[in-house]
Every structure is written in C-alpha cells, then in structure tokens.
N, C-alpha and C. Protein backbone atom coordinates (compact mmCIF):
# COMPACT_ATOMS: atom_id res chain seq x y z
N MET A 1 -53.81 -45.56 -15.83
CA MET A 1 -52.55 -45.37 -16.54
C MET A 1 -52.02 -46.71 -17.04
N LYS A 2 -52.05 -47.74 -16.18
CA LYS A 2 -51.56 -49.06 -16.60
C LYS A 2 -52.40 -49.61 -17.74
N HIS A 3 -53.70 -49.37 -17.68
CA HIS A 3 -54.59 -49.84 -18.74
C HIS A 3 -54.23 -49.20 -20.07
N MET A 4 -53.96 -47.89 -20.03
CA MET A 4 -53.61 -47.17 -21.26
C MET A 4 -52.30 -47.71 -21.84
N LEU A 5 -51.32 -47.96 -21.00
CA LEU A 5 -50.05 -48.50 -21.47
C LEU A 5 -50.22 -49.90 -22.04
N ALA A 6 -51.05 -50.71 -21.40
CA ALA A 6 -51.29 -52.06 -21.90
C ALA A 6 -51.96 -52.02 -23.28
N VAL A 7 -52.92 -51.13 -23.44
CA VAL A 7 -53.59 -51.00 -24.73
C VAL A 7 -52.62 -50.50 -25.79
N LEU A 8 -51.79 -49.55 -25.43
CA LEU A 8 -50.80 -49.02 -26.37
C LEU A 8 -49.82 -50.11 -26.80
N MET A 9 -49.32 -50.87 -25.83
CA MET A 9 -48.36 -51.93 -26.16
C MET A 9 -49.01 -53.00 -27.02
N LEU A 10 -50.23 -53.39 -26.70
CA LEU A 10 -50.93 -54.39 -27.51
C LEU A 10 -51.15 -53.87 -28.93
N SER A 11 -51.50 -52.60 -29.05
CA SER A 11 -51.71 -52.01 -30.37
C SER A 11 -50.42 -52.01 -31.18
N LEU A 12 -49.33 -51.62 -30.54
CA LEU A 12 -48.04 -51.60 -31.24
C LEU A 12 -47.62 -53.00 -31.67
N PHE A 13 -47.83 -53.97 -30.79
CA PHE A 13 -47.47 -55.34 -31.11
C PHE A 13 -48.31 -55.85 -32.27
N THR A 14 -49.60 -55.57 -32.25
CA THR A 14 -50.49 -55.99 -33.33
C THR A 14 -50.09 -55.35 -34.65
N LEU A 15 -49.78 -54.07 -34.61
CA LEU A 15 -49.35 -53.39 -35.83
C LEU A 15 -48.06 -53.98 -36.37
N SER A 16 -47.15 -54.35 -35.48
CA SER A 16 -45.89 -54.93 -35.94
C SER A 16 -46.14 -56.27 -36.62
N LEU A 17 -47.09 -57.05 -36.10
CA LEU A 17 -47.40 -58.32 -36.74
C LEU A 17 -48.07 -58.11 -38.09
N LEU A 18 -48.94 -57.13 -38.17
CA LEU A 18 -49.66 -56.88 -39.41
C LEU A 18 -48.77 -56.25 -40.49
N SER A 19 -47.67 -55.65 -40.06
CA SER A 19 -46.81 -54.97 -41.04
C SER A 19 -45.89 -55.94 -41.77
N GLY A 20 -46.01 -57.22 -41.51
CA GLY A 20 -45.24 -58.20 -42.26
C GLY A 20 -43.95 -58.62 -41.59
N CYS A 21 -43.85 -58.44 -40.32
CA CYS A 21 -42.65 -58.86 -39.60
C CYS A 21 -42.69 -60.38 -39.50
N ASN A 22 -41.86 -61.07 -40.28
CA ASN A 22 -41.95 -62.53 -40.33
C ASN A 22 -40.73 -63.23 -39.73
N THR A 23 -39.88 -62.52 -39.04
CA THR A 23 -38.74 -63.16 -38.39
C THR A 23 -38.75 -62.84 -36.91
N MET A 24 -38.18 -63.72 -36.12
CA MET A 24 -38.12 -63.50 -34.68
C MET A 24 -37.28 -62.26 -34.36
N ARG A 25 -36.20 -62.06 -35.09
CA ARG A 25 -35.36 -60.89 -34.85
C ARG A 25 -36.15 -59.61 -35.12
N GLY A 26 -36.87 -59.58 -36.22
CA GLY A 26 -37.68 -58.41 -36.56
C GLY A 26 -38.77 -58.17 -35.54
N ALA A 27 -39.38 -59.26 -35.06
CA ALA A 27 -40.42 -59.12 -34.04
C ALA A 27 -39.83 -58.54 -32.76
N GLY A 28 -38.64 -59.01 -32.39
CA GLY A 28 -37.98 -58.48 -31.19
C GLY A 28 -37.67 -57.01 -31.32
N GLU A 29 -37.22 -56.60 -32.48
CA GLU A 29 -36.93 -55.18 -32.70
C GLU A 29 -38.21 -54.35 -32.62
N ASP A 30 -39.30 -54.86 -33.18
CA ASP A 30 -40.56 -54.13 -33.13
C ASP A 30 -41.06 -54.00 -31.69
N ILE A 31 -40.93 -55.08 -30.94
CA ILE A 31 -41.36 -55.05 -29.54
C ILE A 31 -40.50 -54.06 -28.75
N GLU A 32 -39.20 -54.05 -29.04
CA GLU A 32 -38.30 -53.11 -28.37
C GLU A 32 -38.70 -51.67 -28.68
N ARG A 33 -39.01 -51.39 -29.94
CA ARG A 33 -39.45 -50.05 -30.31
C ARG A 33 -40.75 -49.67 -29.60
N GLY A 34 -41.64 -50.64 -29.46
CA GLY A 34 -42.88 -50.40 -28.73
C GLY A 34 -42.62 -50.07 -27.28
N GLY A 35 -41.68 -50.79 -26.66
CA GLY A 35 -41.31 -50.51 -25.27
C GLY A 35 -40.70 -49.13 -25.13
N GLU A 36 -39.88 -48.74 -26.08
CA GLU A 36 -39.28 -47.40 -26.03
C GLU A 36 -40.35 -46.32 -26.17
N ALA A 37 -41.33 -46.56 -27.00
CA ALA A 37 -42.42 -45.59 -27.16
C ALA A 37 -43.21 -45.45 -25.87
N ILE A 38 -43.41 -46.56 -25.19
CA ILE A 38 -44.13 -46.52 -23.90
C ILE A 38 -43.31 -45.75 -22.87
N GLN A 39 -42.00 -45.97 -22.86
CA GLN A 39 -41.14 -45.24 -21.91
C GLN A 39 -41.21 -43.74 -22.18
N ARG A 40 -41.17 -43.35 -23.45
CA ARG A 40 -41.25 -41.92 -23.78
C ARG A 40 -42.59 -41.36 -23.35
N GLN A 41 -43.65 -42.14 -23.52
CA GLN A 41 -45.00 -41.70 -23.14
C GLN A 41 -45.09 -41.51 -21.63
N ALA A 42 -44.41 -42.37 -20.88
CA ALA A 42 -44.48 -42.32 -19.41
C ALA A 42 -43.70 -41.13 -18.84
N GLU A 43 -42.73 -40.63 -19.56
CA GLU A 43 -41.92 -39.51 -19.08
C GLU A 43 -42.66 -38.26 -19.21
C-alpha cells in the first residue's frame, strides 16, 4: 500500500512539473492537490 501511494505521489508531482508549473506557489498548490488525492484514495 505504501509503495502504491509513493508511486502515485511521485507521478502527480512529475505531472505537475511537466504541466508548466514555474512558480513555487504553483508547485505548492500542485503538491497539496496531490496529497489530497492520496488522502481520498486512502479512504
């Protein structure tokens, strides 16, 4: 389960970088959205 979550989070983070997020604020928001998706997946 932890492995799956780690892969999911890494994938989301990579996608956020590839989508053109060029500011620290935008990166933080993308990471937060990724964390929320992981929380929903865990429930």
